[in-house]
N, C-alpha and C. Protein backbone atom coordinates (compact mmCIF):
# COMPACT_ATOMS: atom_id res chain seq x y z
N UNK A 1 151.33 63.17 10.49
CA UNK A 1 151.78 64.39 10.86
C UNK A 1 152.71 64.21 12.20
N UNK A 2 153.83 64.70 12.14
CA UNK A 2 154.76 64.78 13.34
C UNK A 2 154.09 65.27 14.57
N UNK A 3 154.21 64.88 15.74
CA UNK A 3 153.58 65.38 16.85
C UNK A 3 154.06 66.55 17.32
N UNK A 4 155.27 67.01 16.93
CA UNK A 4 155.85 68.23 17.27
C UNK A 4 155.34 69.17 16.39
N UNK A 5 155.09 68.98 14.96
CA UNK A 5 154.45 69.87 14.14
C UNK A 5 152.90 70.16 14.57
N UNK A 6 152.45 68.95 14.93
CA UNK A 6 150.98 69.27 15.30
C UNK A 6 150.81 70.19 16.47
N UNK A 7 151.58 69.94 17.64
CA UNK A 7 151.53 70.88 18.55
C UNK A 7 151.94 72.41 18.25
N UNK A 8 153.04 72.51 17.38
CA UNK A 8 153.19 73.99 16.81
C UNK A 8 152.15 74.65 16.24
N UNK A 9 151.30 73.83 15.35
CA UNK A 9 150.25 74.54 14.80
C UNK A 9 148.97 74.59 15.75
N UNK A 10 148.96 73.59 16.49
CA UNK A 10 147.97 73.75 17.47
C UNK A 10 147.89 74.81 18.37
N UNK A 11 149.12 75.06 18.92
CA UNK A 11 149.23 76.26 19.89
C UNK A 11 149.03 77.54 19.32
N UNK A 12 149.61 77.62 18.10
CA UNK A 12 149.42 78.97 17.25
C UNK A 12 148.01 79.34 16.95
N UNK A 13 147.26 78.14 16.46
CA UNK A 13 145.90 78.41 16.30
C UNK A 13 145.20 78.77 17.52
N UNK A 14 145.44 78.17 18.57
CA UNK A 14 144.69 78.41 19.84
C UNK A 14 144.91 79.83 20.36
N UNK A 15 146.30 80.30 20.26
CA UNK A 15 146.43 81.54 20.64
C UNK A 15 145.94 82.69 19.63
N UNK A 16 145.68 82.24 18.30
CA UNK A 16 145.06 83.11 17.57
C UNK A 16 143.55 83.14 18.01
N UNK A 17 142.96 82.16 18.33
CA UNK A 17 141.67 82.22 18.76
C UNK A 17 141.45 82.91 19.97
N UNK A 18 142.41 82.95 20.78
CA UNK A 18 142.34 83.89 22.08
C UNK A 18 142.37 85.37 21.63
N UNK A 19 143.25 85.70 20.73
CA UNK A 19 143.29 87.17 20.07
C UNK A 19 141.92 87.50 19.50
N UNK A 20 141.30 86.45 18.67
CA UNK A 20 140.28 86.63 17.94
C UNK A 20 139.05 86.96 19.02
N UNK A 21 139.05 86.10 19.96
CA UNK A 21 137.91 86.35 21.15
C UNK A 21 138.02 87.66 21.83
N UNK A 22 139.47 88.22 21.95
CA UNK A 22 139.52 89.37 22.77
C UNK A 22 138.96 90.48 21.76
N UNK A 23 139.25 90.32 20.55
CA UNK A 23 138.72 91.39 19.59
C UNK A 23 137.04 91.57 19.68
N UNK A 24 136.51 90.30 19.80
CA UNK A 24 135.08 90.29 19.85
C UNK A 24 134.62 90.93 21.12
N UNK A 25 135.43 90.43 22.27
CA UNK A 25 134.74 91.09 23.56
C UNK A 25 135.04 92.62 23.55
N UNK A 26 136.23 93.02 23.01
CA UNK A 26 136.35 94.44 22.74
C UNK A 26 135.26 95.35 22.32
N UNK A 27 134.54 94.55 21.33
CA UNK A 27 133.44 95.27 20.80
C UNK A 27 132.15 95.20 21.48
N UNK A 28 132.12 94.43 22.59
CA UNK A 28 130.84 94.32 23.21
C UNK A 28 131.18 94.57 25.04
N UNK A 29 131.35 95.85 25.19
CA UNK A 29 131.69 96.15 26.57
C UNK A 29 130.68 95.89 27.51
N UNK A 30 129.38 95.78 27.07
CA UNK A 30 128.24 95.44 27.87
C UNK A 30 128.38 94.21 28.47
N UNK A 31 129.08 93.00 27.87
CA UNK A 31 129.22 91.81 28.28
C UNK A 31 130.17 91.73 29.76
N UNK A 32 131.25 92.75 29.71
CA UNK A 32 131.82 92.98 30.97
C UNK A 32 131.22 93.42 32.17
N UNK A 33 129.96 94.05 31.80
CA UNK A 33 129.41 94.93 33.04
C UNK A 33 128.40 93.82 33.85
N UNK A 34 128.00 92.91 33.29
CA UNK A 34 127.07 91.64 33.90
C UNK A 34 128.19 90.74 34.47
N UNK A 35 128.19 90.47 35.82
CA UNK A 35 129.12 89.42 36.30
C UNK A 35 128.81 88.05 35.70
N UNK A 36 127.69 87.64 35.40
CA UNK A 36 127.43 86.42 34.91
C UNK A 36 128.15 86.32 33.63
N UNK A 37 127.72 87.26 32.68
CA UNK A 37 128.15 87.18 31.33
C UNK A 37 129.70 87.25 31.23
N UNK A 38 130.33 88.14 32.25
CA UNK A 38 131.88 88.29 32.39
C UNK A 38 132.42 87.01 32.63
N UNK A 39 131.73 86.01 33.63
CA UNK A 39 132.16 84.59 33.78
C UNK A 39 132.08 83.82 32.63
N UNK A 40 131.04 83.86 31.70
CA UNK A 40 131.12 83.10 30.51
C UNK A 40 132.17 83.75 29.59
N UNK A 41 132.33 84.85 29.39
CA UNK A 41 133.26 85.26 28.65
C UNK A 41 134.83 84.95 28.97
N UNK A 42 135.03 85.04 30.30
CA UNK A 42 136.37 84.46 30.75
C UNK A 42 136.55 82.86 30.64
N UNK A 43 135.32 82.25 30.72
CA UNK A 43 135.35 80.65 30.40
C UNK A 43 135.68 80.39 28.95
N UNK A 44 135.24 81.36 28.05
CA UNK A 44 135.54 81.08 26.68
C UNK A 44 137.06 81.36 26.69
N UNK A 45 137.54 82.38 27.15
CA UNK A 45 138.76 82.89 27.00
C UNK A 45 139.88 81.53 27.46
N UNK A 46 139.41 81.16 28.54
CA UNK A 46 140.11 79.84 29.10
C UNK A 46 140.19 78.58 28.30
N UNK A 47 139.06 78.48 27.39
CA UNK A 47 138.80 77.31 26.67
C UNK A 47 139.90 77.34 25.63
N UNK A 48 140.35 78.68 25.20
CA UNK A 48 141.50 78.76 24.07
C UNK A 48 142.80 78.94 24.69
N UNK A 49 142.93 79.40 25.79
CA UNK A 49 144.21 79.75 26.40
C UNK A 49 144.87 78.52 27.02
N UNK A 50 144.12 77.72 27.86
CA UNK A 50 144.65 76.65 28.36
C UNK A 50 145.21 75.44 27.36
N UNK A 51 144.57 75.20 26.31
CA UNK A 51 144.97 74.19 25.41
C UNK A 51 146.23 74.95 24.89
N UNK A 52 146.09 76.27 24.40
CA UNK A 52 147.43 76.95 23.95
C UNK A 52 148.62 76.75 24.77
N UNK A 53 148.47 76.89 25.93
CA UNK A 53 149.67 76.67 26.76
C UNK A 53 150.00 75.29 26.97
N UNK A 54 149.13 74.46 26.81
CA UNK A 54 149.54 73.05 26.93
C UNK A 54 150.33 72.60 25.86
N UNK A 55 149.89 73.14 24.32
CA UNK A 55 150.55 72.92 23.32
C UNK A 55 152.07 73.51 23.35
N UNK A 56 152.10 74.60 24.01
CA UNK A 56 153.68 75.05 24.16
C UNK A 56 154.43 74.26 25.15
N UNK A 57 153.82 73.76 26.20
CA UNK A 57 154.66 72.84 26.92
C UNK A 57 154.79 71.53 26.21
N UNK A 58 153.90 71.08 25.50
CA UNK A 58 154.37 69.85 24.63
C UNK A 58 155.51 69.98 23.77
N UNK A 59 155.51 71.20 23.23
CA UNK A 59 156.63 71.57 22.25
C UNK A 59 158.13 71.60 23.15
N UNK A 60 157.82 72.19 24.27
CA UNK A 60 159.13 72.31 24.97
C UNK A 60 159.70 71.07 25.58
N UNK A 61 158.67 70.08 26.14
CA UNK A 61 158.92 68.73 26.58
C UNK A 61 159.29 67.72 25.59
N UNK A 62 158.35 67.82 24.69
CA UNK A 62 158.23 66.80 23.70
C UNK A 62 158.40 65.42 24.15
N UNK A 63 158.99 64.58 23.27
CA UNK A 63 159.15 62.98 23.54
C UNK A 63 160.50 62.91 24.35
N UNK A 64 161.40 64.09 24.24
CA UNK A 64 162.64 63.70 24.88
C UNK A 64 162.60 63.97 26.35
N UNK A 65 161.55 64.85 26.91
CA UNK A 65 161.52 65.23 28.18
C UNK A 65 159.94 65.22 28.62
N UNK A 66 159.52 64.00 28.64
CA UNK A 66 158.07 64.09 28.74
C UNK A 66 157.46 64.52 30.14
N UNK A 67 158.31 64.52 31.08
CA UNK A 67 157.93 64.99 32.31
C UNK A 67 157.48 66.63 32.40
N UNK A 68 158.12 67.23 31.51
CA UNK A 68 157.89 68.76 31.14
C UNK A 68 156.27 68.73 30.73
N UNK A 69 155.99 68.23 29.55
CA UNK A 69 154.66 68.43 29.16
C UNK A 69 153.44 67.62 30.05
N UNK A 70 154.03 66.54 30.55
CA UNK A 70 153.11 65.78 31.68
C UNK A 70 152.73 66.62 32.93
N UNK A 71 153.67 67.36 33.34
CA UNK A 71 153.40 68.15 34.63
C UNK A 71 152.69 69.25 34.21
N UNK A 72 152.90 69.97 33.34
CA UNK A 72 152.05 71.13 32.75
C UNK A 72 150.82 70.73 32.38
N UNK A 73 150.52 69.56 31.75
CA UNK A 73 149.05 69.14 31.28
C UNK A 73 148.25 69.05 32.79
N UNK A 74 149.00 68.19 33.54
CA UNK A 74 148.18 68.13 34.84
C UNK A 74 147.94 69.27 35.54
N UNK A 75 148.70 70.14 35.53
CA UNK A 75 148.48 71.32 36.30
C UNK A 75 147.48 72.05 35.66
N UNK A 76 147.67 72.40 34.29
CA UNK A 76 146.61 73.20 33.46
C UNK A 76 145.32 72.67 33.59
N UNK A 77 145.11 71.22 33.37
CA UNK A 77 144.02 70.39 33.22
C UNK A 77 143.34 70.82 34.55
N UNK A 78 144.04 70.69 35.91
CA UNK A 78 143.40 70.95 37.14
C UNK A 78 142.54 72.23 37.04
N UNK A 79 143.49 73.20 36.59
CA UNK A 79 142.95 74.72 36.57
C UNK A 79 141.86 74.71 35.61
N UNK A 80 141.55 74.05 34.58
CA UNK A 80 140.70 74.09 33.65
C UNK A 80 139.56 73.54 33.97
N UNK A 81 139.60 72.19 34.78
CA UNK A 81 138.62 71.56 35.27
C UNK A 81 137.96 72.46 36.45
N UNK A 82 138.53 72.89 37.45
CA UNK A 82 138.03 73.64 38.42
C UNK A 82 137.37 75.02 37.99
N UNK A 83 137.92 75.70 36.98
CA UNK A 83 137.21 76.71 36.38
C UNK A 83 135.98 76.36 35.65
N UNK A 84 136.13 75.24 35.17
CA UNK A 84 134.96 74.70 34.28
C UNK A 84 133.83 74.34 35.26
N UNK A 85 134.14 73.58 36.38
CA UNK A 85 133.13 73.19 37.17
C UNK A 85 132.53 74.26 38.02
N UNK A 86 133.31 75.47 38.35
CA UNK A 86 132.62 76.71 38.91
C UNK A 86 131.77 77.27 37.97
N UNK A 87 132.05 77.40 36.63
CA UNK A 87 131.13 77.95 35.67
C UNK A 87 129.80 77.09 35.68
N UNK A 88 130.01 75.73 35.81
CA UNK A 88 128.90 74.84 35.42
C UNK A 88 127.86 74.79 36.73
N UNK A 89 128.54 75.14 37.97
CA UNK A 89 127.88 75.51 39.05
C UNK A 89 126.65 76.60 39.03
N UNK A 90 127.24 77.57 38.18
CA UNK A 90 126.53 78.87 38.06
C UNK A 90 125.69 78.78 36.87
N UNK A 91 125.69 77.69 36.14
CA UNK A 91 124.87 77.65 34.71
C UNK A 91 123.48 77.84 35.02
N UNK A 92 122.77 78.41 34.24
CA UNK A 92 121.35 78.94 34.55
C UNK A 92 120.30 77.97 33.67
N UNK A 93 120.48 76.70 33.73
CA UNK A 93 119.73 75.69 33.21
C UNK A 93 119.65 75.56 31.67
N UNK A 94 120.55 76.05 30.97
CA UNK A 94 120.78 75.80 29.62
C UNK A 94 121.48 74.51 29.53
N UNK A 95 120.54 73.64 29.05
CA UNK A 95 121.09 72.22 28.65
C UNK A 95 122.42 71.91 27.94
N UNK A 96 122.47 72.86 26.96
CA UNK A 96 123.65 72.59 25.79
C UNK A 96 124.71 73.32 26.69
N UNK A 97 124.85 74.34 27.34
CA UNK A 97 125.77 74.85 28.14
C UNK A 97 126.24 73.87 29.13
N UNK A 98 125.34 73.29 29.82
CA UNK A 98 125.66 72.39 30.89
C UNK A 98 126.39 71.05 30.33
N UNK A 99 125.93 70.60 29.22
CA UNK A 99 126.41 69.52 28.49
C UNK A 99 127.98 69.77 28.12
N UNK A 100 128.15 70.99 27.42
CA UNK A 100 129.28 71.48 27.01
C UNK A 100 130.37 71.59 28.10
N UNK A 101 129.93 72.29 29.19
CA UNK A 101 130.82 72.55 30.45
C UNK A 101 131.13 71.09 30.98
N UNK A 102 130.16 70.10 31.16
CA UNK A 102 130.44 68.97 31.71
C UNK A 102 131.50 68.13 30.97
N UNK A 103 131.10 68.22 29.67
CA UNK A 103 132.01 67.62 28.54
C UNK A 103 133.50 67.91 28.81
N UNK A 104 133.64 69.45 28.85
CA UNK A 104 134.98 70.11 28.98
C UNK A 104 135.76 69.66 30.30
N UNK A 105 134.93 69.49 31.46
CA UNK A 105 135.29 69.14 32.68
C UNK A 105 135.79 67.78 32.51
N UNK A 106 135.24 66.77 31.99
CA UNK A 106 135.63 65.35 31.80
C UNK A 106 136.86 65.23 30.88
N UNK A 107 136.96 66.17 29.72
CA UNK A 107 138.15 66.06 29.15
C UNK A 107 139.52 66.57 29.86
N UNK A 108 139.15 67.58 30.61
CA UNK A 108 140.30 68.08 31.39
C UNK A 108 140.76 66.94 32.14
N UNK A 109 139.81 66.20 32.86
CA UNK A 109 140.09 65.21 33.93
C UNK A 109 140.93 64.02 33.10
N UNK A 110 140.54 63.67 31.82
CA UNK A 110 141.18 62.60 31.02
C UNK A 110 142.47 63.04 30.65
N UNK A 111 142.62 64.42 30.21
CA UNK A 111 143.97 64.93 30.05
C UNK A 111 145.02 64.79 31.12
N UNK A 112 144.40 65.17 32.34
CA UNK A 112 145.34 64.98 33.58
C UNK A 112 145.61 63.60 33.71
N UNK A 113 144.76 62.60 33.69
CA UNK A 113 144.96 61.13 33.89
C UNK A 113 146.15 60.69 32.80
N UNK A 114 146.01 61.24 31.70
CA UNK A 114 147.09 60.67 30.59
C UNK A 114 148.37 61.31 30.91
N UNK A 115 148.54 62.58 31.61
CA UNK A 115 149.65 63.20 31.99
C UNK A 115 150.25 62.29 33.20
N UNK A 116 149.29 61.88 34.25
CA UNK A 116 149.63 61.15 35.37
C UNK A 116 150.16 59.81 35.29
N UNK A 117 149.11 59.15 34.29
CA UNK A 117 149.54 57.86 33.97
C UNK A 117 149.57 57.61 32.49
N UNK A 118 150.73 57.94 31.93
CA UNK A 118 150.97 57.70 30.50
C UNK A 118 150.95 56.38 30.11
N UNK A 119 150.94 55.51 30.94
CA UNK A 119 150.97 53.98 30.52
C UNK A 119 149.65 53.64 30.07
N UNK A 120 148.44 54.34 30.32
CA UNK A 120 147.26 54.00 29.92
C UNK A 120 147.16 54.15 28.34
N UNK A 121 147.71 54.99 27.85
CA UNK A 121 147.46 55.48 26.49
C UNK A 121 147.71 54.20 25.67
N UNK A 122 148.84 53.58 25.82
CA UNK A 122 149.33 52.51 24.71
C UNK A 122 148.12 51.43 24.55
N UNK A 123 147.20 51.48 25.57
CA UNK A 123 146.08 50.36 25.47
C UNK A 123 144.99 51.05 24.45
N UNK A 124 145.22 52.32 24.19
CA UNK A 124 144.35 52.95 22.82
C UNK A 124 145.17 52.75 21.74
N UNK A 125 146.44 52.26 21.74
CA UNK A 125 147.21 52.24 20.50
C UNK A 125 147.83 53.57 20.33
N UNK A 126 147.97 54.50 21.19
CA UNK A 126 148.35 55.74 21.12
C UNK A 126 149.64 55.86 21.96
N UNK A 127 150.67 56.98 21.67
CA UNK A 127 151.63 57.51 22.75
C UNK A 127 150.69 58.45 23.57
N UNK A 128 151.34 58.72 24.78
CA UNK A 128 150.72 59.52 25.76
C UNK A 128 150.41 60.86 25.16
N UNK A 129 151.45 61.50 24.51
CA UNK A 129 151.21 62.80 23.96
C UNK A 129 150.16 62.94 22.80
N UNK A 130 150.09 61.80 22.12
CA UNK A 130 149.01 61.67 21.07
C UNK A 130 147.71 61.59 21.75
N UNK A 131 147.52 60.87 22.77
CA UNK A 131 146.18 60.74 23.46
C UNK A 131 145.86 62.09 24.20
N UNK A 132 146.86 62.89 24.69
CA UNK A 132 146.50 64.10 25.12
C UNK A 132 146.13 65.15 23.78
N UNK A 133 146.70 64.99 22.99
CA UNK A 133 146.32 65.87 21.70
C UNK A 133 144.87 65.69 21.30
N UNK A 134 144.44 64.46 21.40
CA UNK A 134 143.16 64.07 21.11
C UNK A 134 142.00 64.88 21.98
N UNK A 135 142.43 64.81 23.25
CA UNK A 135 141.63 65.52 24.29
C UNK A 135 141.68 67.17 24.04
N UNK A 136 142.76 67.61 23.80
CA UNK A 136 142.86 69.03 23.45
C UNK A 136 142.01 69.36 22.25
N UNK A 137 142.13 68.59 21.17
CA UNK A 137 141.22 68.75 19.94
C UNK A 137 139.75 68.80 20.41
N UNK A 138 139.26 67.99 21.19
CA UNK A 138 137.90 67.86 21.44
C UNK A 138 137.54 69.06 22.40
N UNK A 139 138.52 69.69 23.32
CA UNK A 139 138.20 70.93 24.00
C UNK A 139 138.01 72.10 23.32
N UNK A 140 138.80 72.24 22.00
CA UNK A 140 138.74 73.27 21.19
C UNK A 140 137.29 73.16 20.35
N UNK A 141 137.07 71.97 20.02
CA UNK A 141 135.58 71.79 19.45
C UNK A 141 134.53 72.19 20.26
N UNK A 142 134.56 71.99 21.54
CA UNK A 142 133.64 72.36 22.75
C UNK A 142 133.71 73.80 22.74
N UNK A 143 134.99 74.44 22.74
CA UNK A 143 134.98 75.77 22.87
C UNK A 143 134.35 76.45 21.69
N UNK A 144 134.60 76.07 20.56
CA UNK A 144 133.89 76.77 19.50
C UNK A 144 132.46 76.58 19.75
N UNK A 145 131.72 75.32 20.06
CA UNK A 145 130.38 75.30 20.18
C UNK A 145 130.00 76.35 21.28
N UNK A 146 130.81 76.57 22.36
CA UNK A 146 130.32 77.37 23.39
C UNK A 146 130.29 78.93 22.81
N UNK A 147 131.30 79.23 22.12
CA UNK A 147 131.36 80.59 21.38
C UNK A 147 130.04 80.82 20.58
N UNK A 148 129.69 79.69 19.81
CA UNK A 148 128.41 79.81 18.86
C UNK A 148 127.36 80.01 19.62
N UNK A 149 127.05 79.28 20.74
CA UNK A 149 125.82 79.34 21.55
C UNK A 149 125.90 80.71 22.26
N UNK A 150 126.96 81.02 22.73
CA UNK A 150 127.05 82.54 23.55
C UNK A 150 126.61 83.66 22.45
N UNK A 151 127.32 83.55 21.37
CA UNK A 151 127.04 84.45 20.34
C UNK A 151 125.59 84.57 19.82
N UNK A 152 125.10 83.46 19.69
CA UNK A 152 123.60 83.47 19.17
C UNK A 152 122.63 83.55 20.25
N UNK A 153 123.05 83.44 21.55
CA UNK A 153 122.02 83.39 22.71
C UNK A 153 122.30 84.52 23.57
N UNK A 154 123.17 84.32 24.82
CA UNK A 154 123.28 85.12 25.91
C UNK A 154 124.08 86.43 25.27
N UNK A 155 125.14 86.42 24.42
CA UNK A 155 125.72 87.39 24.17
C UNK A 155 124.89 88.33 23.11
N UNK A 156 124.07 87.78 22.18
CA UNK A 156 123.10 88.47 21.46
C UNK A 156 121.96 89.11 22.27
N UNK A 157 121.56 88.47 23.10
CA UNK A 157 120.49 89.01 24.13
C UNK A 157 121.13 90.25 24.97
N UNK A 158 122.33 90.07 25.30
CA UNK A 158 123.06 91.38 26.08
C UNK A 158 123.10 92.45 25.21
N UNK A 159 123.61 92.20 24.16
CA UNK A 159 123.50 93.17 23.00
C UNK A 159 122.26 93.90 22.72
N UNK A 160 121.37 93.21 22.35
CA UNK A 160 120.11 93.58 22.04
C UNK A 160 119.32 94.62 23.29
N UNK A 161 119.75 94.13 24.55
CA UNK A 161 119.27 94.74 25.54
C UNK A 161 120.09 96.17 25.78
N UNK A 162 121.34 96.26 25.46
CA UNK A 162 122.23 97.31 25.56
C UNK A 162 121.96 98.37 24.39
N UNK A 163 121.56 97.84 23.08
CA UNK A 163 121.24 98.81 22.01
C UNK A 163 119.71 99.04 21.83
N UNK A 164 119.06 98.31 22.60
CA UNK A 164 117.61 98.51 22.38
C UNK A 164 116.76 97.84 21.36
N UNK A 165 117.67 97.03 20.55
CA UNK A 165 116.96 96.60 19.33
C UNK A 165 116.58 95.07 19.63
């Protein structure tokens, strides 16, 4: 698949996930009342929004102007890493969530490194924009895992408390 086509589909898919997540959140107002749950909801939102934005910048810069996507990936990866580490610091001892957030922080670091040092990617047999794409795919997989865990765990528990069931 052409890298440009990949990023077009990837970005559109991530923005769709952002919209779907907001529809879920809209139906669960109780999540926004609890500061801890609100942080998790926001973290899930960012896990789809930041990769979507990176995908847009990859389309704008492409291979003709790599400095565009590289600068955007570095900046957005730093934002993602800082936000993820802040959430990790507030984790309540759930090993899965700790593992997921730690993995996401590591992926953000790797994406920033690829953006800052694109000469490392050929050592993996990839172009830099391809190496970054693999990191973004992994971020979305972790984001989906976090949604599943949240919907089956904390989010479900908050809903049960709010409804009395």
